[in-house]
Amino acid sequence: EGFQTMATNHPEKLNAVGSSTDSVPFATIFTGMIWAN
């Protein structure tokens, strides 16, 4: 039940594909992140 609550209430919290307003936009993976890692 806890897992279902986490997955269905506010599912946007589980999104790793960051938008331009997130601290890690998805596009940054292909620009600077690979070199930082």
PDB file of all heavy atoms in Angstrom:
ATOM      1  N   GLU A   1       0.834  -1.207   0.000  1.00  0.00           N
ATOM      2  CA  GLU A   1       0.000   0.000   0.000  1.00  0.00           C
ATOM      3  C   GLU A   1       0.869   1.257   0.000  1.00  0.00           C
ATOM      4  O   GLU A   1       0.552   2.251  -0.651  1.00  0.00           O
ATOM      5  CB  GLU A   1      -0.920  -0.005   1.216  1.00  0.00           C
ATOM      6  CG  GLU A   1      -2.063  -0.998   1.125  1.00  0.00           C
ATOM      7  CD  GLU A   1      -3.068  -0.630   0.043  1.00  0.00           C
ATOM      8  OE1 GLU A   1      -3.289   0.572  -0.191  1.00  0.00           O
ATOM      9  OE2 GLU A   1      -3.624  -1.549  -0.583  1.00  0.00           O
ATOM     10  N   GLY A   2       1.960   1.204   0.760  1.00  0.00           N
ATOM     11  CA  GLY A   2       2.868   2.348   0.798  1.00  0.00           C
ATOM     12  C   GLY A   2       3.479   2.620  -0.562  1.00  0.00           C
ATOM     13  O   GLY A   2       3.577   3.778  -0.995  1.00  0.00           O
ATOM     14  N   PHE A   3       3.883   1.559  -1.257  1.00  0.00           N
ATOM     15  CA  PHE A   3       4.457   1.722  -2.596  1.00  0.00           C
ATOM     16  C   PHE A   3       3.418   2.292  -3.557  1.00  0.00           C
ATOM     17  O   PHE A   3       3.722   3.181  -4.365  1.00  0.00           O
ATOM     18  CB  PHE A   3       4.970   0.379  -3.109  1.00  0.00           C
ATOM     19  CG  PHE A   3       5.610   0.456  -4.465  1.00  0.00           C
ATOM     20  CD1 PHE A   3       6.930   0.854  -4.600  1.00  0.00           C
ATOM     21  CD2 PHE A   3       4.885   0.167  -5.615  1.00  0.00           C
ATOM     22  CE1 PHE A   3       7.528   0.938  -5.844  1.00  0.00           C
ATOM     23  CE2 PHE A   3       5.461   0.256  -6.867  1.00  0.00           C
ATOM     24  CZ  PHE A   3       6.791   0.637  -6.985  1.00  0.00           C
ATOM     25  N   GLN A   4       2.192   1.810  -3.476  1.00  0.00           N
ATOM     26  CA  GLN A   4       1.137   2.306  -4.365  1.00  0.00           C
ATOM     27  C   GLN A   4       0.852   3.781  -4.100  1.00  0.00           C
ATOM     28  O   GLN A   4       0.654   4.561  -5.031  1.00  0.00           O
ATOM     29  CB  GLN A   4      -0.138   1.481  -4.187  1.00  0.00           C
ATOM     30  CG  GLN A   4      -1.230   1.864  -5.174  1.00  0.00           C
ATOM     31  CD  GLN A   4      -2.414   0.909  -5.130  1.00  0.00           C
ATOM     32  OE1 GLN A   4      -2.410  -0.048  -4.372  1.00  0.00           O
ATOM     33  NE2 GLN A   4      -3.419   1.166  -5.950  1.00  0.00           N
ATOM     34  N   THR A   5       0.858   4.166  -2.830  1.00  0.00           N
ATOM     35  CA  THR A   5       0.652   5.582  -2.492  1.00  0.00           C
ATOM     36  C   THR A   5       1.756   6.443  -3.092  1.00  0.00           C
ATOM     37  O   THR A   5       1.503   7.507  -3.674  1.00  0.00           O
ATOM     38  CB  THR A   5       0.625   5.763  -0.957  1.00  0.00           C
ATOM     39  OG1 THR A   5      -0.453   5.005  -0.410  1.00  0.00           O
ATOM     40  CG2 THR A   5       0.466   7.228  -0.583  1.00  0.00           C
ATOM     41  N   MET A   6       2.998   5.980  -2.945  1.00  0.00           N
ATOM     42  CA  MET A   6       4.135   6.745  -3.468  1.00  0.00           C
ATOM     43  C   MET A   6       4.078   6.852  -4.988  1.00  0.00           C
ATOM     44  O   MET A   6       4.413   7.904  -5.562  1.00  0.00           O
ATOM     45  CB  MET A   6       5.443   6.082  -3.042  1.00  0.00           C
ATOM     46  CG  MET A   6       6.690   6.814  -3.519  1.00  0.00           C
ATOM     47  SD  MET A   6       8.220   5.981  -3.011  1.00  0.00           S
ATOM     48  CE  MET A   6       8.136   4.495  -4.030  1.00  0.00           C
ATOM     49  N   ALA A   7       3.637   5.776  -5.667  1.00  0.00           N
ATOM     50  CA  ALA A   7       3.644   5.737  -7.129  1.00  0.00           C
ATOM     51  C   ALA A   7       2.461   6.464  -7.759  1.00  0.00           C
ATOM     52  O   ALA A   7       2.557   6.914  -8.908  1.00  0.00           O
ATOM     53  CB  ALA A   7       3.678   4.287  -7.609  1.00  0.00           C
ATOM     54  N   THR A   8       1.360   6.582  -7.038  1.00  0.00           N
ATOM     55  CA  THR A   8       0.145   7.159  -7.636  1.00  0.00           C
ATOM     56  C   THR A   8      -0.173   8.567  -7.135  1.00  0.00           C
ATOM     57  O   THR A   8      -0.832   9.334  -7.833  1.00  0.00           O
ATOM     58  CB  THR A   8      -1.068   6.246  -7.375  1.00  0.00           C
ATOM     59  OG1 THR A   8      -1.189   5.992  -5.976  1.00  0.00           O
ATOM     60  CG2 THR A   8      -0.903   4.920  -8.110  1.00  0.00           C
ATOM     61  N   ASN A   9       0.269   8.921  -5.932  1.00  0.00           N
ATOM     62  CA  ASN A   9       0.077  10.289  -5.432  1.00  0.00           C
ATOM     63  C   ASN A   9       1.334  11.101  -5.727  1.00  0.00           C
ATOM     64  O   ASN A   9       2.433  10.717  -5.306  1.00  0.00           O
ATOM     65  CB  ASN A   9      -0.187  10.290  -3.918  1.00  0.00           C
ATOM     66  CG  ASN A   9      -1.504   9.641  -3.581  1.00  0.00           C
ATOM     67  OD1 ASN A   9      -2.342   9.421  -4.444  1.00  0.00           O
ATOM     68  ND2 ASN A   9      -1.696   9.317  -2.310  1.00  0.00           N
ATOM     69  N   HIS A  10       1.175  12.180  -6.433  1.00  0.00           N
ATOM     70  CA  HIS A  10       2.304  13.017  -6.854  1.00  0.00           C
ATOM     71  C   HIS A  10       3.344  12.194  -7.611  1.00  0.00           C
ATOM     72  O   HIS A  10       4.532  12.164  -7.238  1.00  0.00           O
ATOM     73  CB  HIS A  10       2.954  13.709  -5.655  1.00  0.00           C
ATOM     74  CG  HIS A  10       2.054  14.639  -4.925  1.00  0.00           C
ATOM     75  ND1 HIS A  10       1.716  15.891  -5.415  1.00  0.00           N
ATOM     76  CD2 HIS A  10       1.420  14.501  -3.731  1.00  0.00           C
ATOM     77  CE1 HIS A  10       0.910  16.488  -4.557  1.00  0.00           C
ATOM     78  NE2 HIS A  10       0.704  15.669  -3.529  1.00  0.00           N
ATOM     79  N   PRO A  11       2.973  11.496  -8.697  1.00  0.00           N
ATOM     80  CA  PRO A  11       3.940  10.679  -9.442  1.00  0.00           C
ATOM     81  C   PRO A  11       5.067  11.507 -10.051  1.00  0.00           C
ATOM     82  O   PRO A  11       6.132  10.968 -10.373  1.00  0.00           O
ATOM     83  CB  PRO A  11       3.084  10.014 -10.536  1.00  0.00           C
ATOM     84  CG  PRO A  11       1.891  10.891 -10.674  1.00  0.00           C
ATOM     85  CD  PRO A  11       1.630  11.444  -9.308  1.00  0.00           C
ATOM     86  N   GLU A  12       4.842  12.824 -10.189  1.00  0.00           N
ATOM     87  CA  GLU A  12       5.894  13.681 -10.741  1.00  0.00           C
ATOM     88  C   GLU A  12       7.154  13.679  -9.871  1.00  0.00           C
ATOM     89  O   GLU A  12       8.257  13.968 -10.346  1.00  0.00           O
ATOM     90  CB  GLU A  12       5.376  15.113 -10.929  1.00  0.00           C
ATOM     91  CG  GLU A  12       5.194  15.932  -9.655  1.00  0.00           C
ATOM     92  CD  GLU A  12       3.909  15.613  -8.899  1.00  0.00           C
ATOM     93  OE1 GLU A  12       3.108  14.787  -9.391  1.00  0.00           O
ATOM     94  OE2 GLU A  12       3.703  16.203  -7.827  1.00  0.00           O
ATOM     95  N   LYS A  13       7.007  13.335  -8.591  1.00  0.00           N
ATOM     96  CA  LYS A  13       8.176  13.260  -7.699  1.00  0.00           C
ATOM     97  C   LYS A  13       9.125  12.144  -8.116  1.00  0.00           C
ATOM     98  O   LYS A  13      10.308  12.160  -7.753  1.00  0.00           O
ATOM     99  CB  LYS A  13       7.724  13.029  -6.256  1.00  0.00           C
ATOM    100  CG  LYS A  13       6.841  14.108  -5.666  1.00  0.00           C
ATOM    101  CD  LYS A  13       7.605  15.391  -5.422  1.00  0.00           C
ATOM    102  CE  LYS A  13       8.559  15.285  -4.263  1.00  0.00           C
ATOM    103  NZ  LYS A  13       9.244  16.584  -3.983  1.00  0.00           N
ATOM    104  N   LEU A  14       8.618  11.153  -8.864  1.00  0.00           N
ATOM    105  CA  LEU A  14       9.428  10.009  -9.270  1.00  0.00           C
ATOM    106  C   LEU A  14       9.991  10.164 -10.681  1.00  0.00           C
ATOM    107  O   LEU A  14      10.556   9.223 -11.238  1.00  0.00           O
ATOM    108  CB  LEU A  14       8.586   8.725  -9.201  1.00  0.00           C
ATOM    109  CG  LEU A  14       8.115   8.332  -7.800  1.00  0.00           C
ATOM    110  CD1 LEU A  14       7.136   7.178  -7.864  1.00  0.00           C
ATOM    111  CD2 LEU A  14       9.309   7.972  -6.917  1.00  0.00           C
ATOM    112  N   ASN A  15       9.883  11.357 -11.242  1.00  0.00           N
ATOM    113  CA  ASN A  15      10.369  11.595 -12.602  1.00  0.00           C
ATOM    114  C   ASN A  15      11.834  12.025 -12.580  1.00  0.00           C
ATOM    115  O   ASN A  15      12.182  13.036 -11.969  1.00  0.00           O
ATOM    116  CB  ASN A  15       9.516  12.676 -13.274  1.00  0.00           C
ATOM    117  CG  ASN A  15       9.825  12.805 -14.746  1.00  0.00           C
ATOM    118  OD1 ASN A  15      10.495  11.955 -15.335  1.00  0.00           O
ATOM    119  ND2 ASN A  15       9.343  13.880 -15.357  1.00  0.00           N
ATOM    120  N   ALA A  16      12.684  11.233 -13.244  1.00  0.00           N
ATOM    121  CA  ALA A  16      14.113  11.565 -13.314  1.00  0.00           C
ATOM    122  C   ALA A  16      14.463  12.332 -14.586  1.00  0.00           C
ATOM    123  O   ALA A  16      15.604  12.769 -14.746  1.00  0.00           O
ATOM    124  CB  ALA A  16      14.946  10.290 -13.252  1.00  0.00           C
ATOM    125  N   VAL A  17      13.491  12.477 -15.490  1.00  0.00           N
ATOM    126  CA  VAL A  17      13.731  13.220 -16.726  1.00  0.00           C
ATOM    127  C   VAL A  17      13.455  14.691 -16.432  1.00  0.00           C
ATOM    128  O   VAL A  17      12.338  15.182 -16.581  1.00  0.00           O
ATOM    129  CB  VAL A  17      12.837  12.696 -17.875  1.00  0.00           C
ATOM    130  CG1 VAL A  17      13.164  13.410 -19.183  1.00  0.00           C
ATOM    131  CG2 VAL A  17      13.018  11.192 -18.042  1.00  0.00           C
ATOM    132  N   GLY A  18      14.506  15.383 -15.981  1.00  0.00           N
ATOM    133  CA  GLY A  18      14.353  16.754 -15.501  1.00  0.00           C
ATOM    134  C   GLY A  18      13.993  17.738 -16.599  1.00  0.00           C
ATOM    135  O   GLY A  18      14.495  17.653 -17.724  1.00  0.00           O
ATOM    136  N   SER A  19      13.122  18.697 -16.266  1.00  0.00           N
ATOM    137  CA  SER A  19      12.761  19.767 -17.200  1.00  0.00           C
ATOM    138  C   SER A  19      13.771  20.899 -17.085  1.00  0.00           C
ATOM    139  O   SER A  19      14.682  20.866 -16.253  1.00  0.00           O
ATOM    140  CB  SER A  19      11.359  20.289 -16.872  1.00  0.00           C
ATOM    141  OG  SER A  19      11.375  20.960 -15.615  1.00  0.00           O
ATOM    142  N   SER A  20      13.599  21.922 -17.885  1.00  0.00           N
ATOM    143  CA  SER A  20      14.541  23.051 -17.876  1.00  0.00           C
ATOM    144  C   SER A  20      14.505  23.821 -16.564  1.00  0.00           C
ATOM    145  O   SER A  20      15.448  24.547 -16.238  1.00  0.00           O
ATOM    146  CB  SER A  20      14.233  23.998 -19.039  1.00  0.00           C
ATOM    147  OG  SER A  20      12.897  24.486 -18.934  1.00  0.00           O
ATOM    148  N   THR A  21      13.434  23.660 -15.788  1.00  0.00           N
ATOM    149  CA  THR A  21      13.331  24.375 -14.511  1.00  0.00           C
ATOM    150  C   THR A  21      13.870  23.560 -13.340  1.00  0.00           C
ATOM    151  O   THR A  21      14.019  24.078 -12.245  1.00  0.00           O
ATOM    152  CB  THR A  21      11.861  24.750 -14.224  1.00  0.00           C
ATOM    153  OG1 THR A  21      11.064  23.557 -14.221  1.00  0.00           O
ATOM    154  CG2 THR A  21      11.338  25.705 -15.288  1.00  0.00           C
ATOM    155  N   ASP A  22      14.166  22.276 -13.553  1.00  0.00           N
ATOM    156  CA  ASP A  22      14.733  21.452 -12.484  1.00  0.00           C
ATOM    157  C   ASP A  22      16.212  21.763 -12.304  1.00  0.00           C
ATOM    158  O   ASP A  22      16.869  22.310 -13.203  1.00  0.00           O
ATOM    159  CB  ASP A  22      14.560  19.964 -12.808  1.00  0.00           C
ATOM    160  CG  ASP A  22      13.119  19.509 -12.651  1.00  0.00           C
ATOM    161  OD1 ASP A  22      12.490  19.910 -11.656  1.00  0.00           O
ATOM    162  OD2 ASP A  22      12.617  18.775 -13.528  1.00  0.00           O
ATOM    163  N   SER A  23      16.747  21.367 -11.142  1.00  0.00           N
ATOM    164  CA  SER A  23      18.165  21.632 -10.887  1.00  0.00           C
ATOM    165  C   SER A  23      19.066  20.834 -11.812  1.00  0.00           C
ATOM    166  O   SER A  23      20.194  21.239 -12.096  1.00  0.00           O
ATOM    167  CB  SER A  23      18.508  21.318  -9.427  1.00  0.00           C
ATOM    168  OG  SER A  23      18.231  19.958  -9.129  1.00  0.00           O
ATOM    169  N   VAL A  24      18.581  19.685 -12.302  1.00  0.00           N
ATOM    170  CA  VAL A  24      19.338  18.882 -13.280  1.00  0.00           C
ATOM    171  C   VAL A  24      18.445  18.611 -14.490  1.00  0.00           C
ATOM    172  O   VAL A  24      17.798  17.562 -14.576  1.00  0.00           O
ATOM    173  CB  VAL A  24      19.827  17.558 -12.661  1.00  0.00           C
ATOM    174  CG1 VAL A  24      20.649  16.775 -13.685  1.00  0.00           C
ATOM    175  CG2 VAL A  24      20.663  17.809 -11.416  1.00  0.00           C
ATOM    176  N   PRO A  25      18.384  19.529 -15.453  1.00  0.00           N
ATOM    177  CA  PRO A  25      17.629  19.265 -16.683  1.00  0.00           C
ATOM    178  C   PRO A  25      18.211  18.056 -17.409  1.00  0.00           C
ATOM    179  O   PRO A  25      19.428  17.815 -17.375  1.00  0.00           O
ATOM    180  CB  PRO A  25      17.829  20.547 -17.500  1.00  0.00           C
ATOM    181  CG  PRO A  25      18.199  21.598 -16.491  1.00  0.00           C
ATOM    182  CD  PRO A  25      18.962  20.879 -15.430  1.00  0.00           C
ATOM    183  N   PHE A  26      17.350  17.295 -18.075  1.00  0.00           N
ATOM    184  CA  PHE A  26      17.792  16.065 -18.735  1.00  0.00           C
ATOM    185  C   PHE A  26      18.886  16.352 -19.769  1.00  0.00           C
ATOM    186  O   PHE A  26      19.817  15.553 -19.945  1.00  0.00           O
ATOM    187  CB  PHE A  26      16.591  15.388 -19.409  1.00  0.00           C
ATOM    188  CG  PHE A  26      16.892  14.024 -19.955  1.00  0.00           C
ATOM    189  CD1 PHE A  26      17.155  12.958 -19.099  1.00  0.00           C
ATOM    190  CD2 PHE A  26      16.917  13.805 -21.334  1.00  0.00           C
ATOM    191  CE1 PHE A  26      17.431  11.695 -19.608  1.00  0.00           C
ATOM    192  CE2 PHE A  26      17.186  12.539 -21.844  1.00  0.00           C
ATOM    193  CZ  PHE A  26      17.446  11.486 -20.976  1.00  0.00           C
ATOM    194  N   ALA A  27      18.808  17.496 -20.422  1.00  0.00           N
ATOM    195  CA  ALA A  27      19.783  17.832 -21.467  1.00  0.00           C
ATOM    196  C   ALA A  27      21.198  17.973 -20.913  1.00  0.00           C
ATOM    197  O   ALA A  27      22.180  17.798 -21.649  1.00  0.00           O
ATOM    198  CB  ALA A  27      19.368  19.128 -22.169  1.00  0.00           C
ATOM    199  N   THR A  28      21.330  18.279 -19.617  1.00  0.00           N
ATOM    200  CA  THR A  28      22.674  18.475 -19.056  1.00  0.00           C
ATOM    201  C   THR A  28      23.490  17.187 -19.034  1.00  0.00           C
ATOM    202  O   THR A  28      24.716  17.235 -18.949  1.00  0.00           O
ATOM    203  CB  THR A  28      22.588  19.030 -17.619  1.00  0.00           C
ATOM    204  OG1 THR A  28      21.874  18.098 -16.783  1.00  0.00           O
ATOM    205  CG2 THR A  28      21.901  20.377 -17.579  1.00  0.00           C
ATOM    206  N   ILE A  29      22.804  16.036 -19.116  1.00  0.00           N
ATOM    207  CA  ILE A  29      23.524  14.755 -19.169  1.00  0.00           C
ATOM    208  C   ILE A  29      24.456  14.737 -20.377  1.00  0.00           C
ATOM    209  O   ILE A  29      25.552  14.168 -20.324  1.00  0.00           O
ATOM    210  CB  ILE A  29      22.532  13.579 -19.251  1.00  0.00           C
ATOM    211  CG1 ILE A  29      21.700  13.497 -17.965  1.00  0.00           C
ATOM    212  CG2 ILE A  29      23.255  12.256 -19.503  1.00  0.00           C
ATOM    213  CD1 ILE A  29      20.563  12.490 -18.029  1.00  0.00           C
ATOM    214  N   PHE A  30      24.028  15.395 -21.466  1.00  0.00           N
ATOM    215  CA  PHE A  30      24.782  15.339 -22.717  1.00  0.00           C
ATOM    216  C   PHE A  30      25.705  16.541 -22.905  1.00  0.00           C
ATOM    217  O   PHE A  30      26.403  16.621 -23.919  1.00  0.00           O
ATOM    218  CB  PHE A  30      23.798  15.254 -23.894  1.00  0.00           C
ATOM    219  CG  PHE A  30      22.769  14.164 -23.720  1.00  0.00           C
ATOM    220  CD1 PHE A  30      21.476  14.468 -23.302  1.00  0.00           C
ATOM    221  CD2 PHE A  30      23.106  12.841 -23.937  1.00  0.00           C
ATOM    222  CE1 PHE A  30      20.533  13.473 -23.130  1.00  0.00           C
ATOM    223  CE2 PHE A  30      22.162  11.841 -23.753  1.00  0.00           C
ATOM    224  CZ  PHE A  30      20.881  12.147 -23.355  1.00  0.00           C
ATOM    225  N   THR A  31      25.717  17.470 -21.962  1.00  0.00           N
ATOM    226  CA  THR A  31      26.609  18.630 -22.088  1.00  0.00           C
ATOM    227  C   THR A  31      27.745  18.561 -21.066  1.00  0.00           C
ATOM    228  O   THR A  31      28.862  18.187 -21.381  1.00  0.00           O
ATOM    229  CB  THR A  31      25.820  19.945 -21.935  1.00  0.00           C
ATOM    230  OG1 THR A  31      25.108  19.936 -20.679  1.00  0.00           O
ATOM    231  CG2 THR A  31      24.818  20.121 -23.067  1.00  0.00           C
ATOM    232  N   GLY A  32      27.443  18.859 -19.805  1.00  0.00           N
ATOM    233  CA  GLY A  32      28.522  18.940 -18.829  1.00  0.00           C
ATOM    234  C   GLY A  32      28.635  17.781 -17.861  1.00  0.00           C
ATOM    235  O   GLY A  32      29.699  17.549 -17.277  1.00  0.00           O
ATOM    236  N   MET A  33      27.552  17.017 -17.661  1.00  0.00           N
ATOM    237  CA  MET A  33      27.569  16.017 -16.591  1.00  0.00           C
ATOM    238  C   MET A  33      28.551  14.883 -16.841  1.00  0.00           C
ATOM    239  O   MET A  33      29.223  14.417 -15.922  1.00  0.00           O
ATOM    240  CB  MET A  33      26.168  15.451 -16.371  1.00  0.00           C
ATOM    241  CG  MET A  33      26.090  14.517 -15.169  1.00  0.00           C
ATOM    242  SD  MET A  33      24.427  14.080 -14.742  1.00  0.00           S
ATOM    243  CE  MET A  33      23.770  15.639 -14.187  1.00  0.00           C
ATOM    244  N   ILE A  34      28.635  14.413 -18.071  1.00  0.00           N
ATOM    245  CA  ILE A  34      29.546  13.313 -18.372  1.00  0.00           C
ATOM    246  C   ILE A  34      30.984  13.691 -18.023  1.00  0.00           C
ATOM    247  O   ILE A  34      31.761  12.875 -17.507  1.00  0.00           O
ATOM    248  CB  ILE A  34      29.416  12.894 -19.852  1.00  0.00           C
ATOM    249  CG1 ILE A  34      30.396  11.767 -20.194  1.00  0.00           C
ATOM    250  CG2 ILE A  34      29.635  14.071 -20.781  1.00  0.00           C
ATOM    251  CD1 ILE A  34      30.197  10.491 -19.435  1.00  0.00           C
ATOM    252  N   TRP A  35      31.357  14.951 -18.254  1.00  0.00           N
ATOM    253  CA  TRP A  35      32.733  15.382 -17.983  1.00  0.00           C
ATOM    254  C   TRP A  35      32.954  15.579 -16.491  1.00  0.00           C
ATOM    255  O   TRP A  35      34.051  15.284 -15.986  1.00  0.00           O
ATOM    256  CB  TRP A  35      33.050  16.652 -18.767  1.00  0.00           C
ATOM    257  CG  TRP A  35      32.668  16.526 -20.198  1.00  0.00           C
ATOM    258  CD1 TRP A  35      31.723  17.244 -20.879  1.00  0.00           C
ATOM    259  CD2 TRP A  35      33.181  15.566 -21.135  1.00  0.00           C
ATOM    260  NE1 TRP A  35      31.619  16.813 -22.168  1.00  0.00           N
ATOM    261  CE2 TRP A  35      32.505  15.777 -22.362  1.00  0.00           C
ATOM    262  CE3 TRP A  35      34.137  14.556 -21.064  1.00  0.00           C
ATOM    263  CZ2 TRP A  35      32.768  15.027 -23.487  1.00  0.00           C
ATOM    264  CZ3 TRP A  35      34.402  13.798 -22.193  1.00  0.00           C
ATOM    265  CH2 TRP A  35      33.719  14.036 -23.384  1.00  0.00           C
ATOM    266  N   ALA A  36      31.921  16.050 -15.791  1.00  0.00           N
ATOM    267  CA  ALA A  36      32.036  16.190 -14.341  1.00  0.00           C
ATOM    268  C   ALA A  36      32.196  14.815 -13.682  1.00  0.00           C
ATOM    269  O   ALA A  36      33.013  14.631 -12.771  1.00  0.00           O
ATOM    270  CB  ALA A  36      30.814  16.908 -13.775  1.00  0.00           C
ATOM    271  N   ASN A  37      31.407  13.845 -14.136  1.00  0.00           N
ATOM    272  CA  ASN A  37      31.522  12.487 -13.600  1.00  0.00           C
ATOM    273  C   ASN A  37      32.856  11.849 -13.970  1.00  0.00           C
ATOM    274  O   ASN A  37      33.448  11.125 -13.161  1.00  0.00           O
ATOM    275  CB  ASN A  37      30.372  11.616 -14.107  1.00  0.00           C
ATOM    276  CG  ASN A  37      29.124  11.742 -13.255  1.00  0.00           C
ATOM    277  OD1 ASN A  37      29.196  11.982 -12.055  1.00  0.00           O
ATOM    278  ND2 ASN A  37      27.968  11.589 -13.864  1.00  0.00           N
TER     279      ASN A  37
END
